[in-house]
Amino acid sequence: MVRAPFAVLRGALIDEPAIQMALASRNPVIAVPDAARALVLSAISDASERAPVLVATSSQAEAERLASDAATILGSDAVALFPAWETLPFERVSPGVETMGRRLEVLHRLQSDNPPTMVVTSARALVQRLDPNAAIAPVVVRPGDVLDPTSLVQELVSLGYHREAQVEHRGEIAVRGSIVDVFPSTADGPV
C-alpha cells in the first residue's frame, strides 16, 4: 500500500518538539520547507484534537498544490480545497458555477457526519464572503431513488440551475420525458 510509508513518517513527526508545541498552541505557527509542508500538516491533522485543521496559503495555486499533496498522503476524502472567487467584488461578473459549487460542497461537508480532517484554502478565499445559499442543504439523488421529475426540476431551478434542451455545461438541467439530466456544478460531466 502506498500510504504505509507516509503513515510511518507522520507517526515519527508527531513526536517532534515543534509539532508538539504547534498542537499545544491555540494559534500555531511553524516554519516548514516547501517539500515537507504536506507531510507535516498531515501529521498535525492526524494528531490534532481540533478537527478540521484549517490551512491558509498565500495564493490559490499554492492551496491547490498543497491540497493535492495532502490528499495523496491522507486520502482524497480527508482533504477539502476551499477555492477563492475568480472575480473581485466590484466586477460586474458572476463567479463561475464550478467555484460556487465547490465552495458550497466544502461548507456542506464541514456540517456533515463525515467532515474532512483538513481544509486548505488561500488567504483571499478566507476573506471573501460566503454565499447566502450556504445554509441550503444539497440535493442528493442516489441510484434507485424514485422522485417526481417535476418537483426535482422545480427544486433545481430554485437553486439556480438553468433548464436547457440539452445538458452541456455545469449548472444545467434538461428533461427528456421522465428522465432528468443534471450537470452538477462540482461534477466533471452530466449525470
Protein backbone atom coordinates (compact mmCIF):
# COMPACT_ATOMS: atom_id res chain seq x y z
CA MET A 1 0.00 0.00 0.00
CA VAL A 2 1.39 3.41 -0.97
CA ARG A 3 0.22 5.27 2.15
CA ALA A 4 2.02 2.96 4.64
CA PRO A 5 5.37 4.81 4.36
CA PHE A 6 3.57 8.12 4.85
CA ALA A 7 1.84 6.77 7.96
CA VAL A 8 5.22 5.82 9.46
CA LEU A 9 6.66 9.25 8.68
CA ARG A 10 3.60 11.04 10.07
CA GLY A 11 3.88 8.99 13.25
CA ALA A 12 7.55 9.92 13.63
CA LEU A 13 6.82 13.61 13.06
CA ILE A 14 4.21 13.76 15.81
CA ASP A 15 6.96 13.32 18.45
CA GLU A 16 8.95 16.31 17.17
CA PRO A 17 9.06 19.20 19.71
CA ALA A 18 7.95 21.80 17.14
CA ILE A 19 4.92 19.69 16.23
CA GLN A 20 4.07 19.15 19.90
CA MET A 21 4.27 22.92 20.51
CA ALA A 22 2.05 23.57 17.49
CA LEU A 23 -0.51 21.06 18.75
CA ALA A 24 -0.49 22.63 22.23
CA SER A 25 -0.84 26.19 20.92
CA ARG A 26 -4.16 27.83 20.18
CA ASN A 27 -2.68 29.69 17.18
CA PRO A 28 0.24 27.56 16.00
CA VAL A 29 2.82 28.89 13.58
CA ILE A 30 5.75 26.77 12.43
CA ALA A 31 8.21 27.18 9.56
CA VAL A 32 8.47 24.16 7.28
CA PRO A 33 10.34 23.73 3.98
CA ASP A 34 8.03 23.62 0.95
CA ALA A 35 8.83 19.99 0.20
CA ALA A 36 7.73 18.87 3.68
CA ARG A 37 4.62 21.04 4.16
CA ALA A 38 2.01 18.49 3.15
CA LEU A 39 3.63 15.76 5.25
CA VAL A 40 3.97 17.95 8.36
CA LEU A 41 0.43 19.31 8.01
CA SER A 42 -0.88 15.78 7.54
CA ALA A 43 0.86 14.72 10.77
CA ILE A 44 -0.65 17.70 12.59
CA SER A 45 -4.06 16.85 11.14
CA ASP A 46 -3.70 13.25 12.38
CA ALA A 47 -2.69 14.29 15.89
CA SER A 48 -4.92 17.32 16.36
CA GLU A 49 -7.95 17.06 18.61
CA ARG A 50 -9.36 20.15 16.90
CA ALA A 51 -10.66 18.98 13.57
CA PRO A 52 -10.65 20.00 10.88
CA VAL A 53 -7.29 21.68 10.59
CA LEU A 54 -7.54 24.88 8.53
CA VAL A 55 -4.52 25.63 6.34
CA ALA A 56 -4.28 29.07 4.70
CA THR A 57 -1.80 29.73 1.89
CA SER A 58 -0.74 32.92 0.17
CA SER A 59 -2.26 32.03 -3.22
CA GLN A 60 -4.89 29.81 -4.80
CA ALA A 61 -2.25 27.98 -6.84
CA GLU A 62 -0.32 27.16 -3.66
CA ALA A 63 -3.54 26.00 -1.96
CA GLU A 64 -4.30 23.69 -4.90
CA ARG A 65 -0.78 22.17 -4.82
CA LEU A 66 -0.85 21.68 -1.06
CA ALA A 67 -4.34 20.16 -1.10
CA SER A 68 -3.29 17.75 -3.85
CA ASP A 69 -0.15 16.72 -1.94
CA ALA A 70 -2.06 16.32 1.34
CA ALA A 71 -4.75 14.25 -0.41
CA THR A 72 -2.02 11.91 -1.65
CA ILE A 73 -0.90 11.41 1.95
CA LEU A 74 -4.22 11.42 3.84
CA GLY A 75 -6.63 10.33 1.10
CA SER A 76 -8.91 12.48 -1.03
CA ASP A 77 -11.86 12.27 1.38
CA ALA A 78 -9.78 13.69 4.24
CA VAL A 79 -8.78 16.91 2.43
CA ALA A 80 -11.04 19.66 1.10
CA LEU A 81 -9.95 22.60 -1.05
CA PHE A 82 -11.98 25.77 -0.41
CA PRO A 83 -11.50 27.89 -3.56
CA ALA A 84 -11.50 31.66 -3.89
CA TRP A 85 -13.88 33.51 -6.19
CA GLU A 86 -12.25 34.25 -9.55
CA THR A 87 -13.85 37.69 -9.62
CA LEU A 88 -13.42 40.75 -7.44
CA PRO A 89 -16.41 42.22 -5.56
CA PHE A 90 -16.62 45.37 -7.70
CA GLU A 91 -16.56 43.49 -11.01
CA ARG A 92 -19.95 43.02 -12.62
CA VAL A 93 -19.19 39.42 -13.49
CA SER A 94 -20.67 36.43 -11.71
CA PRO A 95 -18.27 33.87 -10.29
CA GLY A 96 -18.00 30.55 -12.08
CA VAL A 97 -20.65 27.92 -11.39
CA GLU A 98 -17.96 25.34 -10.60
CA THR A 99 -16.37 27.61 -7.97
CA MET A 100 -19.74 28.31 -6.36
CA GLY A 101 -20.45 24.58 -6.26
CA ARG A 102 -17.04 23.68 -4.83
CA ARG A 103 -17.35 26.29 -2.07
CA LEU A 104 -20.83 25.04 -1.14
CA GLU A 105 -19.62 21.45 -1.27
CA VAL A 106 -16.88 22.19 1.30
CA LEU A 107 -19.32 24.04 3.56
CA HIS A 108 -21.77 21.14 3.43
CA ARG A 109 -19.01 18.61 4.07
CA LEU A 110 -17.98 20.57 7.17
CA GLN A 111 -21.52 20.18 8.52
CA SER A 112 -21.84 16.51 7.55
CA ASP A 113 -21.28 13.33 9.54
CA ASN A 114 -18.01 12.78 7.67
CA PRO A 115 -16.19 16.15 7.53
CA PRO A 116 -12.70 16.50 6.08
CA THR A 117 -9.82 16.44 8.56
CA MET A 118 -8.04 19.24 6.67
CA VAL A 119 -9.37 22.25 4.77
CA VAL A 120 -6.86 24.03 2.53
CA THR A 121 -7.60 27.50 1.20
CA SER A 122 -5.97 30.77 0.21
CA ALA A 123 -5.93 33.94 2.28
CA ARG A 124 -8.09 35.54 -0.42
CA ALA A 125 -10.77 32.85 -0.09
CA LEU A 126 -10.81 33.28 3.69
CA VAL A 127 -11.73 36.96 3.48
CA GLN A 128 -14.37 36.55 0.77
CA ARG A 129 -18.00 36.49 1.85
CA LEU A 130 -19.84 33.22 1.98
CA ASP A 131 -22.69 32.52 -0.38
CA PRO A 132 -26.08 33.36 1.18
CA ASN A 133 -27.24 29.92 -0.02
CA ALA A 134 -24.61 28.17 2.12
CA ALA A 135 -27.29 27.06 4.59
CA ILE A 136 -29.31 25.30 1.88
CA ALA A 137 -28.96 21.53 2.02
CA PRO A 138 -27.66 19.89 -1.16
CA VAL A 139 -29.97 17.85 -3.36
CA VAL A 140 -28.88 14.22 -3.11
CA VAL A 141 -30.20 11.63 -5.55
CA ARG A 142 -29.00 8.04 -5.29
CA PRO A 143 -29.44 5.09 -7.66
CA GLY A 144 -32.82 3.51 -7.03
CA ASP A 145 -34.44 6.68 -5.64
CA VAL A 146 -37.92 7.32 -7.01
CA LEU A 147 -38.57 11.05 -7.39
CA ASP A 148 -41.20 13.22 -9.00
CA PRO A 149 -39.38 14.73 -12.03
CA THR A 150 -41.44 17.95 -11.89
CA SER A 151 -40.62 18.53 -8.21
CA LEU A 152 -36.93 17.76 -8.80
CA VAL A 153 -36.73 20.21 -11.70
CA GLN A 154 -38.52 22.93 -9.69
CA GLU A 155 -36.12 22.46 -6.78
CA LEU A 156 -33.04 22.56 -9.00
CA VAL A 157 -34.30 25.68 -10.82
CA SER A 158 -34.91 27.36 -7.44
CA LEU A 159 -31.28 26.58 -6.57
CA GLY A 160 -30.03 28.32 -9.72
CA TYR A 161 -29.88 25.55 -12.31
CA HIS A 162 -30.81 26.56 -15.86
CA ARG A 163 -33.25 24.46 -17.85
CA GLU A 164 -31.95 23.68 -21.34
CA ALA A 165 -32.94 21.42 -24.22
CA GLN A 166 -29.66 19.50 -23.81
CA VAL A 167 -27.22 19.48 -20.89
CA GLU A 168 -23.77 20.72 -21.92
CA HIS A 169 -22.43 22.84 -19.04
CA ARG A 170 -22.32 22.84 -15.26
CA GLY A 171 -25.48 24.12 -13.63
CA GLU A 172 -27.82 22.94 -16.40
CA ILE A 173 -30.74 20.52 -16.39
CA ALA A 174 -32.73 19.01 -19.25
CA VAL A 175 -35.93 16.99 -19.22
CA ARG A 176 -36.48 14.19 -21.72
CA GLY A 177 -39.82 12.57 -20.91
CA SER A 178 -39.48 11.13 -17.41
CA ILE A 179 -35.66 11.41 -17.49
CA VAL A 180 -33.97 14.43 -15.90
CA ASP A 181 -30.37 15.09 -16.99
CA VAL A 182 -28.37 17.16 -14.50
CA PHE A 183 -24.86 18.59 -14.79
CA PRO A 184 -23.89 19.26 -11.15
CA SER A 185 -21.66 22.24 -10.51
CA THR A 186 -19.00 20.03 -8.93
CA ALA A 187 -19.05 17.13 -11.43
CA ASP A 188 -16.90 16.55 -14.49
CA GLY A 189 -19.91 15.52 -16.56
CA PRO A 190 -23.70 15.28 -16.52
CA VAL A 191 -25.49 12.55 -14.60
